[in-house]
C-alpha cells in the first residue's frame, strides 16, 4: 500500500518588527534558550557547542561552516543563504524549519531528526544524513549528488527536481518516497530499500542498473 505524503507545516514565525537581533559577537553556545530573534551575517564558524535550543528564529547569511553542534534543537526557523559547509551536527533535531539556498556541502547531520523540514535550492553535495529520521520533509531543486542517506527513514519524503546522482540509500526506508523529476544516475540502493519508492518509468530503468541489469531496446545490439 502506497504511503501518503504528509502535509508539511511551515515555521511559526513572529513578524520581523517583533523580533530582536542577536549581537554579532555572540557565541554559538549563547544562542541556547533564545527565541523570537534574527541573525544576519553572524559567524559561528568552527565553534563547538552542545544542547543548544533555538526557537522562532530567522537566520540570513549566517556562517556555521565547520561548526560542531551536538544534540542541538531548532524549531520554527528559517535559514536563508546560510553556510554549513563541513559542519557536524550530531543528533540534531529540526522541526518546522526551512533551509533556502544554503550551502550544506559535507554537512554531517547523522542520526538527526527532521520533522516538517523543507530544503530548497540548497547545495548539499556529499552531505551525510546516515540513520536520520524524516517525518514530513521535502527537498526541492537541491544538489544531493553523492549524499549519504544510509539507514535513514525517508518514508513519504518528496524529492523534487533534485540531483541524486551517486547518492546512497542502502538500508534506507523509502516507502512512499517520491523521486520523480530527479536525476538518479548511479544512485546506490538495495532491493529492500527501494520497496515502495515512487519513480518515473525512465528512472526505473536507471535504478535497475543498480543491480547490474542491462537494459536495451529490442533493436539494439
Protein backbone atom coordinates (compact mmCIF):
# COMPACT_ATOMS: atom_id res chain seq x y z
CA UNK A 1 0.00 0.00 0.00
CA UNK A 2 1.43 3.36 -1.03
CA UNK A 3 2.13 5.71 1.86
CA UNK A 4 0.56 9.16 1.60
CA UNK A 5 2.81 12.20 1.62
CA UNK A 6 2.47 14.08 4.89
CA UNK A 7 1.48 17.73 4.91
CA UNK A 8 4.46 19.89 5.84
CA UNK A 9 3.79 22.58 8.41
CA UNK A 10 5.57 25.93 7.87
CA UNK A 11 7.59 27.67 10.59
CA UNK A 12 5.57 29.71 13.06
CA UNK A 13 7.50 32.98 12.98
CA UNK A 14 6.68 36.36 14.51
CA UNK A 15 6.77 39.45 12.31
CA UNK A 16 10.23 40.96 11.82
CA UNK A 17 9.29 44.01 13.91
CA UNK A 18 8.56 41.74 16.85
CA UNK A 19 11.95 40.01 16.74
CA UNK A 20 15.22 41.01 18.41
CA UNK A 21 18.57 41.00 16.60
CA UNK A 22 21.31 38.83 18.09
CA UNK A 23 24.60 40.63 18.72
CA UNK A 24 27.17 39.93 16.01
CA UNK A 25 29.75 38.90 18.62
CA UNK A 26 27.53 36.24 20.23
CA UNK A 27 28.89 32.70 20.52
CA UNK A 28 27.11 29.60 19.29
CA UNK A 29 26.57 28.34 22.84
CA UNK A 30 24.96 31.68 23.75
CA UNK A 31 22.05 31.00 21.38
CA UNK A 32 20.72 28.43 23.84
CA UNK A 33 17.24 29.35 25.05
CA UNK A 34 16.78 32.29 22.68
CA UNK A 35 13.51 32.82 20.82
CA UNK A 36 11.95 35.44 18.55
CA UNK A 37 15.37 36.52 17.25
CA UNK A 38 17.05 37.38 13.97
CA UNK A 39 20.64 36.70 12.97
CA UNK A 40 22.20 38.35 9.94
CA UNK A 41 25.81 37.85 8.93
CA UNK A 42 26.79 36.34 12.28
CA UNK A 43 29.77 34.00 12.21
CA UNK A 44 29.95 30.82 14.30
CA UNK A 45 32.48 29.16 12.02
CA UNK A 46 34.45 26.40 13.78
CA UNK A 47 32.65 26.86 17.10
CA UNK A 48 31.66 23.92 19.30
CA UNK A 49 28.51 23.65 21.41
CA UNK A 50 26.13 21.06 22.82
CA UNK A 51 22.40 21.02 23.51
CA UNK A 52 21.64 24.47 22.10
CA UNK A 53 17.90 25.14 21.76
CA UNK A 54 16.81 27.91 19.37
CA UNK A 55 13.19 28.78 18.61
CA UNK A 56 11.34 31.22 16.34
CA UNK A 57 14.45 32.49 14.58
CA UNK A 58 15.37 33.95 11.21
CA UNK A 59 18.96 33.36 10.08
CA UNK A 60 20.32 35.09 6.99
CA UNK A 61 23.85 34.67 5.62
CA UNK A 62 24.95 33.16 8.93
CA UNK A 63 28.32 31.38 8.83
CA UNK A 64 28.25 27.99 10.51
CA UNK A 65 30.88 26.21 8.46
CA UNK A 66 32.92 23.57 10.33
CA UNK A 67 30.84 24.19 13.46
CA UNK A 68 30.21 21.23 15.78
CA UNK A 69 26.80 21.15 17.39
CA UNK A 70 25.76 18.05 19.32
CA UNK A 71 22.10 17.40 20.18
CA UNK A 72 21.07 20.88 19.08
CA UNK A 73 17.37 21.64 18.65
CA UNK A 74 15.86 24.19 16.29
CA UNK A 75 12.16 24.83 15.78
CA UNK A 76 10.11 27.38 13.83
CA UNK A 77 13.11 28.77 11.99
CA UNK A 78 14.13 29.89 8.52
CA UNK A 79 17.74 29.69 7.30
CA UNK A 80 18.38 31.80 4.22
CA UNK A 81 21.74 31.66 2.36
CA UNK A 82 23.47 30.21 5.43
CA UNK A 83 26.75 28.30 5.25
CA UNK A 84 27.07 24.90 6.96
CA UNK A 85 29.99 23.65 4.88
CA UNK A 86 31.59 20.65 6.61
CA UNK A 87 29.66 21.36 9.81
CA UNK A 88 28.91 18.42 12.12
CA UNK A 89 25.51 18.48 13.81
CA UNK A 90 25.25 15.09 15.50
CA UNK A 91 21.78 14.06 16.72
CA UNK A 92 20.30 17.40 15.68
CA UNK A 93 16.54 17.93 15.85
CA UNK A 94 14.86 20.31 13.39
CA UNK A 95 11.10 20.92 13.44
CA UNK A 96 9.15 23.31 11.21
CA UNK A 97 12.36 24.62 9.64
CA UNK A 98 13.03 25.95 6.13
CA UNK A 99 16.54 25.97 4.63
CA UNK A 100 16.70 28.10 1.49
CA UNK A 101 19.75 28.48 -0.78
CA UNK A 102 22.06 27.22 1.96
CA UNK A 103 25.50 25.70 1.41
CA UNK A 104 25.29 22.26 3.01
CA UNK A 105 28.25 20.64 1.25
CA UNK A 106 29.74 17.99 3.52
CA UNK A 107 27.26 18.80 6.31
CA UNK A 108 27.15 15.82 8.68
CA UNK A 109 23.69 15.55 10.20
CA UNK A 110 23.86 11.88 11.09
CA UNK A 111 21.16 10.38 13.36
CA UNK A 112 19.28 13.66 13.10
CA UNK A 113 15.51 14.12 13.34
CA UNK A 114 13.81 16.28 10.71
CA UNK A 115 10.11 16.95 11.21
CA UNK A 116 8.28 19.30 8.85
CA UNK A 117 11.52 20.48 7.23
CA UNK A 118 11.91 21.93 3.70
CA UNK A 119 15.25 22.13 1.87
CA UNK A 120 15.06 24.42 -1.18
CA UNK A 121 17.78 25.39 -3.68
CA UNK A 122 20.46 24.03 -1.34
CA UNK A 123 23.84 22.62 -2.33
CA UNK A 124 24.09 19.51 -0.17
CA UNK A 125 26.66 17.62 -2.22
CA UNK A 126 28.43 14.99 -0.06
CA UNK A 127 26.12 15.76 2.89
CA UNK A 128 25.56 12.94 5.37
CA UNK A 129 22.18 12.02 6.82
CA UNK A 130 23.07 8.49 7.95
CA UNK A 131 20.42 6.88 10.17
CA UNK A 132 18.43 10.11 10.24
CA UNK A 133 14.63 10.19 10.56
CA UNK A 134 12.48 12.39 8.31
CA UNK A 135 8.81 12.87 9.15
CA UNK A 136 7.16 15.27 6.74
CA UNK A 137 10.06 16.65 4.69
CA UNK A 138 10.72 17.93 1.19
CA UNK A 139 13.83 18.56 -0.91
CA UNK A 140 13.30 20.97 -3.82
CA UNK A 141 15.87 21.82 -6.53
CA UNK A 142 18.74 20.63 -4.33
CA UNK A 143 22.12 19.22 -5.29
CA UNK A 144 22.34 15.98 -3.31
CA UNK A 145 24.86 14.22 -5.51
CA UNK A 146 26.97 11.77 -3.51
CA UNK A 147 24.88 12.50 -0.40
CA UNK A 148 24.64 9.68 2.15
CA UNK A 149 21.22 8.58 3.44
CA UNK A 150 22.42 5.14 4.57
CA UNK A 151 19.95 3.59 7.02
CA UNK A 152 17.75 6.69 7.15
CA UNK A 153 13.95 6.71 7.30
CA UNK A 154 12.68 8.75 4.35
CA UNK A 155 9.18 7.29 4.23
CA UNK A 156 6.85 9.70 2.41
CA UNK A 157 9.57 12.30 1.76
CA UNK A 158 9.36 14.22 -1.54
CA UNK A 159 12.46 14.91 -3.64
CA UNK A 160 11.56 17.25 -6.48
CA UNK A 161 13.99 18.24 -9.27
CA UNK A 162 16.99 17.20 -7.19
CA UNK A 163 20.36 15.85 -8.28
CA UNK A 164 20.66 12.44 -6.61
CA UNK A 165 23.41 11.07 -8.80
CA UNK A 166 25.65 8.78 -6.80
CA UNK A 167 23.63 9.28 -3.61
CA UNK A 168 23.47 6.32 -1.21
CA UNK A 169 20.19 4.90 0.10
CA UNK A 170 21.41 1.47 1.19
CA UNK A 171 19.27 0.08 4.07
CA UNK A 172 17.10 3.22 3.96
CA UNK A 173 13.31 3.18 4.25
CA UNK A 174 11.76 4.63 1.09
CA UNK A 175 8.11 3.56 1.28
CA UNK A 176 6.14 6.31 -0.46
CA UNK A 177 9.28 8.36 -1.09
CA UNK A 178 8.78 10.39 -4.29
CA UNK A 179 11.84 10.74 -6.55
CA UNK A 180 10.03 11.90 -9.69
CA UNK A 181 11.84 14.61 -11.62
CA UNK A 182 15.19 13.82 -10.01
CA UNK A 183 18.46 12.67 -11.56
CA UNK A 184 19.13 9.18 -10.22
CA UNK A 185 22.08 8.01 -12.34
CA UNK A 186 24.44 5.91 -10.22
CA UNK A 187 22.16 6.01 -7.18
CA UNK A 188 23.16 3.33 -4.67
CA UNK A 189 20.44 1.26 -3.02
CA UNK A 190 19.45 -2.29 -2.19
CA UNK A 191 16.25 -4.03 -3.27
CA UNK A 192 14.65 -3.79 0.16
CA UNK A 193 15.27 -0.03 0.37
CA UNK A 194 13.58 0.58 -2.98
CA UNK A 195 10.39 -1.21 -1.97
CA UNK A 196 7.51 1.28 -2.35
CA UNK A 197 9.59 4.12 -3.84
CA UNK A 198 7.81 6.34 -6.41
CA UNK A 199 9.68 6.94 -9.69
CA UNK A 200 9.03 7.69 -13.35
CA UNK A 201 9.42 4.91 -15.98
CA UNK A 202 12.81 6.14 -17.24
CA UNK A 203 14.07 6.47 -13.68
CA UNK A 204 13.11 2.84 -13.13
CA UNK A 205 15.47 1.91 -15.94
CA UNK A 206 18.30 3.78 -14.22
CA UNK A 207 17.56 2.12 -10.89
CA UNK A 208 17.67 -1.32 -12.47
CA UNK A 209 21.28 -0.62 -13.29
CA UNK A 210 21.94 -0.52 -9.53
CA UNK A 211 21.62 -4.29 -9.66
CA UNK A 212 23.67 -4.82 -12.80
CA UNK A 213 20.65 -5.25 -15.09
CA UNK A 214 21.46 -4.35 -18.71
CA UNK A 215 18.51 -2.55 -20.31
CA UNK A 216 18.34 -2.41 -24.12
CA UNK A 217 15.69 -1.63 -26.67
CA UNK A 218 14.65 -4.52 -28.93
CA UNK A 219 16.62 -3.26 -31.96
CA UNK A 220 19.82 -2.53 -30.01
CA UNK A 221 22.79 -4.91 -30.38
